[in-house]
Amino acid sequence: MASDLRSPRQWTAQVVVGILIVVFGLLLTAGNLGWVDRRQVLGLLRFWPLAISVAGVSRLLNADSRSDRIFSGILIFVGVWLTAEQVYAFRIHLFQWWPLLLVLGGVWLISRAWDRETSTAPGAVDSGGPDSGGSEFALWSGVKRRVASPAFRRADLTAVMGGIEMDLRPASTATGDAVIDVFVMWGGIEITVPPDWAVVNHILPIMGGVVDKSTGTQAAAHRLHLRGVVLMGGIEIKT
């Protein structure tokens, strides 16, 4: 069921960041009215990267896999790093350290693979059989996949400087819910769903985007949950 795929916690990254924006807006209003020193309020802008760390902490609290926890740690580290640069003028030459981003990305991909192997172990819910869309990896290449399973449950798509097209129009779900885990870096993924499928977007875009052109409504009989990260890339969902 759909409720089984959602975390019961309500303190998501959107909620926490939204509260921070509201508080900052109230402080700016108080500064304009002369109740507090407006210069001190504007000085708080130096701490804006902490919003990235807050999003990482919120994601960590809701993480249900090793790869999610690793990515949450990366967000927390990046937020603290940028805050140190803003507040303490602690400069790190990105040109010298940027390859570490590749290292962190590789570690995250490995952890995702291990999580997938655990979930497809004997006795697990996802057996990797006909109910699974499998795993697709596109590196400097393009992949096209058509899924016609009558009991589609999940798939894993990774596009690094490449593209993946997955056509789910001939497919159906046995329980009404399916999950696709995605990771996009400098690439793109296109997912085509049947008109009676509703898409639930849990994807975190970072300098990227997700465009949902599907026609399914919230009352649809089938629900597709998309999870993962888009880094300087894009995902398009259509009917």
C-alpha atoms as a PDB file:
ATOM      1  CA  MET A   1       0.000   0.000   0.000  1.00  0.00           C
ATOM      2  CA  ALA A   2       1.065   3.611  -0.473  1.00  0.00           C
ATOM      3  CA  SER A   3       1.293   4.165   3.281  1.00  0.00           C
ATOM      4  CA  ASP A   4       3.909   1.434   3.523  1.00  0.00           C
ATOM      5  CA  LEU A   5       6.243   3.412   1.252  1.00  0.00           C
ATOM      6  CA  ARG A   6       6.111   6.666   3.188  1.00  0.00           C
ATOM      7  CA  SER A   7       7.934   7.525   6.372  1.00  0.00           C
ATOM      8  CA  PRO A   8       5.643   8.208   9.330  1.00  0.00           C
ATOM      9  CA  ARG A   9       7.775  11.189  10.327  1.00  0.00           C
ATOM     10  CA  GLN A  10       6.442  14.590   9.369  1.00  0.00           C
ATOM     11  CA  TRP A  11       9.625  16.662   9.877  1.00  0.00           C
ATOM     12  CA  THR A  12      10.775  16.530   6.284  1.00  0.00           C
ATOM     13  CA  ALA A  13      13.458  18.763   4.761  1.00  0.00           C
ATOM     14  CA  GLN A  14      10.759  20.908   3.147  1.00  0.00           C
ATOM     15  CA  VAL A  15       9.064  21.492   6.510  1.00  0.00           C
ATOM     16  CA  VAL A  16      12.277  22.395   8.342  1.00  0.00           C
ATOM     17  CA  VAL A  17      13.576  24.702   5.603  1.00  0.00           C
ATOM     18  CA  GLY A  18      10.118  26.268   5.352  1.00  0.00           C
ATOM     19  CA  ILE A  19      10.157  27.031   9.082  1.00  0.00           C
ATOM     20  CA  LEU A  20      13.598  28.638   8.736  1.00  0.00           C
ATOM     21  CA  ILE A  21      12.305  30.839   5.905  1.00  0.00           C
ATOM     22  CA  VAL A  22       9.283  31.894   7.992  1.00  0.00           C
ATOM     23  CA  VAL A  23      11.496  32.761  10.987  1.00  0.00           C
ATOM     24  CA  PHE A  24      13.872  34.771   8.799  1.00  0.00           C
ATOM     25  CA  GLY A  25      10.950  36.626   7.234  1.00  0.00           C
ATOM     26  CA  LEU A  26       9.595  37.513  10.674  1.00  0.00           C
ATOM     27  CA  LEU A  27      13.018  38.759  11.769  1.00  0.00           C
ATOM     28  CA  LEU A  28      13.273  40.941   8.652  1.00  0.00           C
ATOM     29  CA  THR A  29       9.854  42.383   9.428  1.00  0.00           C
ATOM     30  CA  ALA A  30      10.927  43.089  13.010  1.00  0.00           C
ATOM     31  CA  GLY A  31      14.057  44.789  11.664  1.00  0.00           C
ATOM     32  CA  ASN A  32      12.007  46.992   9.347  1.00  0.00           C
ATOM     33  CA  LEU A  33       9.824  48.015  12.294  1.00  0.00           C
ATOM     34  CA  GLY A  34      12.866  48.835  14.407  1.00  0.00           C
ATOM     35  CA  TRP A  35      12.235  46.110  16.993  1.00  0.00           C
ATOM     36  CA  VAL A  36      15.631  44.471  16.321  1.00  0.00           C
ATOM     37  CA  ASP A  37      18.849  45.538  14.617  1.00  0.00           C
ATOM     38  CA  ARG A  38      18.236  44.979  10.914  1.00  0.00           C
ATOM     39  CA  ARG A  39      21.969  44.705  10.216  1.00  0.00           C
ATOM     40  CA  GLN A  40      22.247  41.760  12.573  1.00  0.00           C
ATOM     41  CA  VAL A  41      19.304  40.096  10.889  1.00  0.00           C
ATOM     42  CA  LEU A  42      20.914  40.509   7.462  1.00  0.00           C
ATOM     43  CA  GLY A  43      24.111  39.119   8.954  1.00  0.00           C
ATOM     44  CA  LEU A  44      22.279  35.836   9.431  1.00  0.00           C
ATOM     45  CA  LEU A  45      22.396  35.384   5.662  1.00  0.00           C
ATOM     46  CA  ARG A  46      25.972  34.193   6.130  1.00  0.00           C
ATOM     47  CA  PHE A  47      24.548  31.033   7.650  1.00  0.00           C
ATOM     48  CA  TRP A  48      22.399  30.129   4.634  1.00  0.00           C
ATOM     49  CA  PRO A  49      24.431  26.956   3.832  1.00  0.00           C
ATOM     50  CA  LEU A  50      23.192  25.462   7.107  1.00  0.00           C
ATOM     51  CA  ALA A  51      19.900  24.907   5.270  1.00  0.00           C
ATOM     52  CA  ILE A  52      21.737  22.244   3.244  1.00  0.00           C
ATOM     53  CA  SER A  53      22.898  20.566   6.458  1.00  0.00           C
ATOM     54  CA  VAL A  54      19.383  20.776   7.895  1.00  0.00           C
ATOM     55  CA  ALA A  55      18.048  19.060   4.777  1.00  0.00           C
ATOM     56  CA  GLY A  56      20.727  16.388   5.230  1.00  0.00           C
ATOM     57  CA  VAL A  57      19.785  15.824   8.884  1.00  0.00           C
ATOM     58  CA  SER A  58      16.100  15.604   7.983  1.00  0.00           C
ATOM     59  CA  ARG A  59      16.866  13.114   5.216  1.00  0.00           C
ATOM     60  CA  LEU A  60      19.072  11.128   7.601  1.00  0.00           C
ATOM     61  CA  LEU A  61      16.214  10.805  10.105  1.00  0.00           C
ATOM     62  CA  ASN A  62      14.000   9.417   7.325  1.00  0.00           C
ATOM     63  CA  ALA A  63      16.685   7.230   5.690  1.00  0.00           C
ATOM     64  CA  ASP A  64      15.737   3.593   5.253  1.00  0.00           C
ATOM     65  CA  SER A  65      18.881   2.360   3.507  1.00  0.00           C
ATOM     66  CA  ARG A  66      22.649   2.658   3.699  1.00  0.00           C
ATOM     67  CA  SER A  67      22.840   4.690   0.481  1.00  0.00           C
ATOM     68  CA  ASP A  68      20.325   7.224   1.834  1.00  0.00           C
ATOM     69  CA  ARG A  69      22.366   7.603   5.025  1.00  0.00           C
ATOM     70  CA  ILE A  70      25.587   8.133   3.066  1.00  0.00           C
ATOM     71  CA  PHE A  71      23.996  10.773   0.842  1.00  0.00           C
ATOM     72  CA  SER A  72      22.534  12.494   3.919  1.00  0.00           C
ATOM     73  CA  GLY A  73      26.027  12.641   5.409  1.00  0.00           C
ATOM     74  CA  ILE A  74      27.320  14.221   2.196  1.00  0.00           C
ATOM     75  CA  LEU A  75      24.671  16.961   2.402  1.00  0.00           C
ATOM     76  CA  ILE A  76      25.512  17.648   6.057  1.00  0.00           C
ATOM     77  CA  PHE A  77      29.234  17.873   5.242  1.00  0.00           C
ATOM     78  CA  VAL A  78      28.698  20.223   2.287  1.00  0.00           C
ATOM     79  CA  GLY A  79      26.479  22.519   4.376  1.00  0.00           C
ATOM     80  CA  VAL A  80      28.990  22.729   7.226  1.00  0.00           C
ATOM     81  CA  TRP A  81      31.846  23.264   4.758  1.00  0.00           C
ATOM     82  CA  LEU A  82      30.094  26.170   3.007  1.00  0.00           C
ATOM     83  CA  THR A  83      29.062  27.686   6.350  1.00  0.00           C
ATOM     84  CA  ALA A  84      32.689  27.651   7.511  1.00  0.00           C
ATOM     85  CA  GLU A  85      33.649  29.495   4.341  1.00  0.00           C
ATOM     86  CA  GLN A  86      30.939  32.124   4.864  1.00  0.00           C
ATOM     87  CA  VAL A  87      31.396  32.731   8.593  1.00  0.00           C
ATOM     88  CA  TYR A  88      35.076  32.088   9.279  1.00  0.00           C
ATOM     89  CA  ALA A  89      36.525  32.850   5.828  1.00  0.00           C
ATOM     90  CA  PHE A  90      37.819  29.289   5.848  1.00  0.00           C
ATOM     91  CA  ARG A  91      38.765  28.931   2.206  1.00  0.00           C
ATOM     92  CA  ILE A  92      39.211  25.628   0.441  1.00  0.00           C
ATOM     93  CA  HIS A  93      40.279  25.689  -3.182  1.00  0.00           C
ATOM     94  CA  LEU A  94      37.592  23.683  -4.925  1.00  0.00           C
ATOM     95  CA  PHE A  95      39.797  23.120  -7.960  1.00  0.00           C
ATOM     96  CA  GLN A  96      42.104  20.988  -5.813  1.00  0.00           C
ATOM     97  CA  TRP A  97      39.364  19.095  -3.970  1.00  0.00           C
ATOM     98  CA  TRP A  98      36.582  18.656  -6.542  1.00  0.00           C
ATOM     99  CA  PRO A  99      37.644  15.059  -7.447  1.00  0.00           C
ATOM    100  CA  LEU A 100      36.448  14.080  -3.970  1.00  0.00           C
ATOM    101  CA  LEU A 101      32.940  14.628  -5.304  1.00  0.00           C
ATOM    102  CA  LEU A 102      33.595  11.775  -7.724  1.00  0.00           C
ATOM    103  CA  VAL A 103      34.826   9.642  -4.831  1.00  0.00           C
ATOM    104  CA  LEU A 104      31.705  10.382  -2.787  1.00  0.00           C
ATOM    105  CA  GLY A 105      29.505   9.700  -5.802  1.00  0.00           C
ATOM    106  CA  GLY A 106      31.235   6.366  -6.366  1.00  0.00           C
ATOM    107  CA  VAL A 107      30.831   5.370  -2.722  1.00  0.00           C
ATOM    108  CA  TRP A 108      27.155   6.227  -2.920  1.00  0.00           C
ATOM    109  CA  LEU A 109      26.666   4.145  -6.071  1.00  0.00           C
ATOM    110  CA  ILE A 110      28.399   1.186  -4.431  1.00  0.00           C
ATOM    111  CA  SER A 111      26.200   1.489  -1.347  1.00  0.00           C
ATOM    112  CA  ARG A 112      23.113   1.577  -3.569  1.00  0.00           C
ATOM    113  CA  ALA A 113      24.253  -1.615  -5.280  1.00  0.00           C
ATOM    114  CA  TRP A 114      24.760  -3.314  -1.915  1.00  0.00           C
ATOM    115  CA  ASP A 115      21.320  -2.182  -0.783  1.00  0.00           C
ATOM    116  CA  ARG A 116      19.840  -3.627  -3.968  1.00  0.00           C
ATOM    117  CA  GLU A 117      21.602  -6.966  -3.414  1.00  0.00           C
ATOM    118  CA  THR A 118      20.237  -7.090   0.131  1.00  0.00           C
ATOM    119  CA  SER A 119      16.706  -6.352  -1.026  1.00  0.00           C
ATOM    120  CA  THR A 120      16.917  -9.062  -3.691  1.00  0.00           C
ATOM    121  CA  ALA A 121      18.372 -11.730  -1.394  1.00  0.00           C
ATOM    122  CA  PRO A 122      16.421 -14.988  -0.967  1.00  0.00           C
ATOM    123  CA  GLY A 123      13.387 -14.401   1.210  1.00  0.00           C
ATOM    124  CA  ALA A 124      13.264 -10.656   0.572  1.00  0.00           C
ATOM    125  CA  VAL A 125      10.156  -8.918  -0.737  1.00  0.00           C
ATOM    126  CA  ASP A 126      11.652  -8.046  -4.118  1.00  0.00           C
ATOM    127  CA  SER A 127      12.860 -11.268  -5.681  1.00  0.00           C
ATOM    128  CA  GLY A 128      14.162  -9.659  -8.841  1.00  0.00           C
ATOM    129  CA  GLY A 129      11.925 -11.940 -10.882  1.00  0.00           C
ATOM    130  CA  PRO A 130       9.167 -11.008 -13.311  1.00  0.00           C
ATOM    131  CA  ASP A 131       7.824  -8.430 -10.827  1.00  0.00           C
ATOM    132  CA  SER A 132      11.035  -6.408 -11.060  1.00  0.00           C
ATOM    133  CA  GLY A 133      12.076  -3.963 -13.764  1.00  0.00           C
ATOM    134  CA  GLY A 134      15.684  -4.817 -13.005  1.00  0.00           C
ATOM    135  CA  SER A 135      18.645  -2.479 -12.936  1.00  0.00           C
ATOM    136  CA  GLU A 136      19.776  -0.241 -15.781  1.00  0.00           C
ATOM    137  CA  PHE A 137      23.061   1.663 -15.906  1.00  0.00           C
ATOM    138  CA  ALA A 138      23.939   4.153 -18.651  1.00  0.00           C
ATOM    139  CA  LEU A 139      27.456   5.614 -18.757  1.00  0.00           C
ATOM    140  CA  TRP A 140      28.225   7.715 -21.837  1.00  0.00           C
ATOM    141  CA  SER A 141      25.518   5.754 -23.595  1.00  0.00           C
ATOM    142  CA  GLY A 142      21.784   5.380 -24.079  1.00  0.00           C
ATOM    143  CA  VAL A 143      19.499   2.606 -22.844  1.00  0.00           C
ATOM    144  CA  LYS A 144      15.923   1.865 -23.907  1.00  0.00           C
ATOM    145  CA  ARG A 145      13.814  -0.556 -21.865  1.00  0.00           C
ATOM    146  CA  ARG A 146      10.209  -1.720 -22.275  1.00  0.00           C
ATOM    147  CA  VAL A 147       8.598  -3.397 -19.274  1.00  0.00           C
ATOM    148  CA  ALA A 148       5.511  -5.561 -19.822  1.00  0.00           C
ATOM    149  CA  SER A 149       5.277  -7.315 -16.459  1.00  0.00           C
ATOM    150  CA  PRO A 150       1.727  -7.773 -15.134  1.00  0.00           C
ATOM    151  CA  ALA A 151       3.087  -7.449 -11.565  1.00  0.00           C
ATOM    152  CA  PHE A 152       5.745  -4.732 -11.812  1.00  0.00           C
ATOM    153  CA  ARG A 153       7.089  -3.787  -8.390  1.00  0.00           C
ATOM    154  CA  ARG A 154      10.409  -1.931  -8.653  1.00  0.00           C
ATOM    155  CA  ALA A 155      13.393  -0.907 -10.779  1.00  0.00           C
ATOM    156  CA  ASP A 156      16.718   0.838 -10.345  1.00  0.00           C
ATOM    157  CA  LEU A 157      17.951   3.361 -12.932  1.00  0.00           C
ATOM    158  CA  THR A 158      21.364   5.069 -12.966  1.00  0.00           C
ATOM    159  CA  ALA A 159      22.384   7.527 -15.695  1.00  0.00           C
ATOM    160  CA  VAL A 160      25.849   9.125 -15.591  1.00  0.00           C
ATOM    161  CA  MET A 161      26.529  11.299 -18.637  1.00  0.00           C
ATOM    162  CA  GLY A 162      24.041   9.126 -20.464  1.00  0.00           C
ATOM    163  CA  GLY A 163      20.331   8.544 -20.941  1.00  0.00           C
ATOM    164  CA  ILE A 164      17.723   5.924 -20.055  1.00  0.00           C
ATOM    165  CA  GLU A 165      14.236   5.548 -21.532  1.00  0.00           C
ATOM    166  CA  MET A 166      11.851   3.203 -19.707  1.00  0.00           C
ATOM    167  CA  ASP A 167       8.417   2.448 -21.151  1.00  0.00           C
ATOM    168  CA  LEU A 168       5.960   1.114 -18.558  1.00  0.00           C
ATOM    169  CA  ARG A 169       2.806   1.437 -20.635  1.00  0.00           C
ATOM    170  CA  PRO A 170       2.400  -2.343 -21.128  1.00  0.00           C
ATOM    171  CA  ALA A 171       3.023  -2.981 -17.406  1.00  0.00           C
ATOM    172  CA  SER A 172       0.750  -3.235 -14.415  1.00  0.00           C
ATOM    173  CA  THR A 173       1.160  -3.625 -10.654  1.00  0.00           C
ATOM    174  CA  ALA A 174      -0.132  -6.436  -8.467  1.00  0.00           C
ATOM    175  CA  THR A 175      -0.553  -4.389  -5.271  1.00  0.00           C
ATOM    176  CA  GLY A 176      -1.219  -0.961  -6.776  1.00  0.00           C
ATOM    177  CA  ASP A 177       2.225   0.414  -5.858  1.00  0.00           C
ATOM    178  CA  ALA A 178       5.627   0.348  -7.547  1.00  0.00           C
ATOM    179  CA  VAL A 179       8.966   2.024  -6.825  1.00  0.00           C
ATOM    180  CA  ILE A 180      11.767   3.231  -9.090  1.00  0.00           C
ATOM    181  CA  ASP A 181      15.056   4.323  -7.508  1.00  0.00           C
ATOM    182  CA  VAL A 182      17.006   6.757  -9.692  1.00  0.00           C
ATOM    183  CA  PHE A 183      20.383   8.442  -9.749  1.00  0.00           C
ATOM    184  CA  VAL A 184      21.188  10.964 -12.468  1.00  0.00           C
ATOM    185  CA  MET A 185      24.440  12.883 -12.860  1.00  0.00           C
ATOM    186  CA  TRP A 186      24.969  14.934 -16.016  1.00  0.00           C
ATOM    187  CA  GLY A 187      22.412  12.802 -17.788  1.00  0.00           C
ATOM    188  CA  GLY A 188      18.713  12.191 -18.204  1.00  0.00           C
ATOM    189  CA  ILE A 189      15.962   9.645 -17.650  1.00  0.00           C
ATOM    190  CA  GLU A 190      12.624   9.448 -19.435  1.00  0.00           C
ATOM    191  CA  ILE A 191       9.847   7.308 -17.926  1.00  0.00           C
ATOM    192  CA  THR A 192       6.580   6.670 -19.751  1.00  0.00           C
ATOM    193  CA  VAL A 193       3.706   5.441 -17.590  1.00  0.00           C
ATOM    194  CA  PRO A 194       0.161   4.242 -18.388  1.00  0.00           C
ATOM    195  CA  PRO A 195      -2.556   6.924 -18.192  1.00  0.00           C
ATOM    196  CA  ASP A 196      -4.099   5.326 -15.089  1.00  0.00           C
ATOM    197  CA  TRP A 197      -0.868   5.564 -13.023  1.00  0.00           C
ATOM    198  CA  ALA A 198      -0.341   8.363 -10.497  1.00  0.00           C
ATOM    199  CA  VAL A 199       3.261   9.480  -9.961  1.00  0.00           C
ATOM    200  CA  VAL A 200       4.522  10.352  -6.476  1.00  0.00           C
ATOM    201  CA  ASN A 201       7.780  12.308  -6.620  1.00  0.00           C
ATOM    202  CA  HIS A 202      10.296  11.822  -3.774  1.00  0.00           C
ATOM    203  CA  ILE A 203      13.317  12.834  -5.895  1.00  0.00           C
ATOM    204  CA  LEU A 204      15.841  15.384  -4.621  1.00  0.00           C
ATOM    205  CA  PRO A 205      17.052  17.606  -7.510  1.00  0.00           C
ATOM    206  CA  ILE A 206      20.405  19.389  -7.093  1.00  0.00           C
ATOM    207  CA  MET A 207      21.027  21.831  -9.940  1.00  0.00           C
ATOM    208  CA  GLY A 208      18.693  19.621 -11.930  1.00  0.00           C
ATOM    209  CA  GLY A 209      15.018  19.141 -12.525  1.00  0.00           C
ATOM    210  CA  VAL A 210      12.095  16.711 -12.618  1.00  0.00           C
ATOM    211  CA  VAL A 211       9.208  17.310 -15.026  1.00  0.00           C
ATOM    212  CA  ASP A 212       6.012  15.324 -14.520  1.00  0.00           C
ATOM    213  CA  LYS A 213       3.738  15.316 -17.577  1.00  0.00           C
ATOM    214  CA  SER A 214       1.788  12.210 -16.610  1.00  0.00           C
ATOM    215  CA  THR A 215      -2.018  12.355 -16.591  1.00  0.00           C
ATOM    216  CA  GLY A 216      -2.803  10.048 -13.668  1.00  0.00           C
ATOM    217  CA  THR A 217      -4.778  11.473 -10.745  1.00  0.00           C
ATOM    218  CA  GLN A 218      -4.473  10.798  -7.021  1.00  0.00           C
ATOM    219  CA  ALA A 219      -7.466   8.470  -7.326  1.00  0.00           C
ATOM    220  CA  ALA A 220      -5.641   6.272  -9.862  1.00  0.00           C
ATOM    221  CA  ALA A 221      -5.569   2.535  -9.255  1.00  0.00           C
ATOM    222  CA  HIS A 222      -1.781   2.360  -9.626  1.00  0.00           C
ATOM    223  CA  ARG A 223       0.838   4.542  -7.969  1.00  0.00           C
ATOM    224  CA  LEU A 224       4.492   4.910  -9.019  1.00  0.00           C
ATOM    225  CA  HIS A 225       6.909   6.225  -6.365  1.00  0.00           C
ATOM    226  CA  LEU A 226      10.113   7.825  -7.654  1.00  0.00           C
ATOM    227  CA  ARG A 227      13.038   8.103  -5.218  1.00  0.00           C
ATOM    228  CA  GLY A 228      16.623   9.233  -5.604  1.00  0.00           C
ATOM    229  CA  VAL A 229      18.799  12.165  -6.632  1.00  0.00           C
ATOM    230  CA  VAL A 230      19.189  14.255  -9.785  1.00  0.00           C
ATOM    231  CA  LEU A 231      22.535  16.069  -9.927  1.00  0.00           C
ATOM    232  CA  MET A 232      22.929  18.483 -12.835  1.00  0.00           C
ATOM    233  CA  GLY A 233      20.582  16.391 -14.929  1.00  0.00           C
ATOM    234  CA  GLY A 234      16.912  15.861 -15.602  1.00  0.00           C
ATOM    235  CA  ILE A 235      14.035  13.403 -15.393  1.00  0.00           C
ATOM    236  CA  GLU A 236      10.850  13.510 -17.448  1.00  0.00           C
ATOM    237  CA  ILE A 237       7.749  11.469 -16.657  1.00  0.00           C
ATOM    238  CA  LYS A 238       5.042  11.326 -19.271  1.00  0.00           C
ATOM    239  CA  THR A 239       2.029   9.325 -20.368  1.00  0.00           C
END
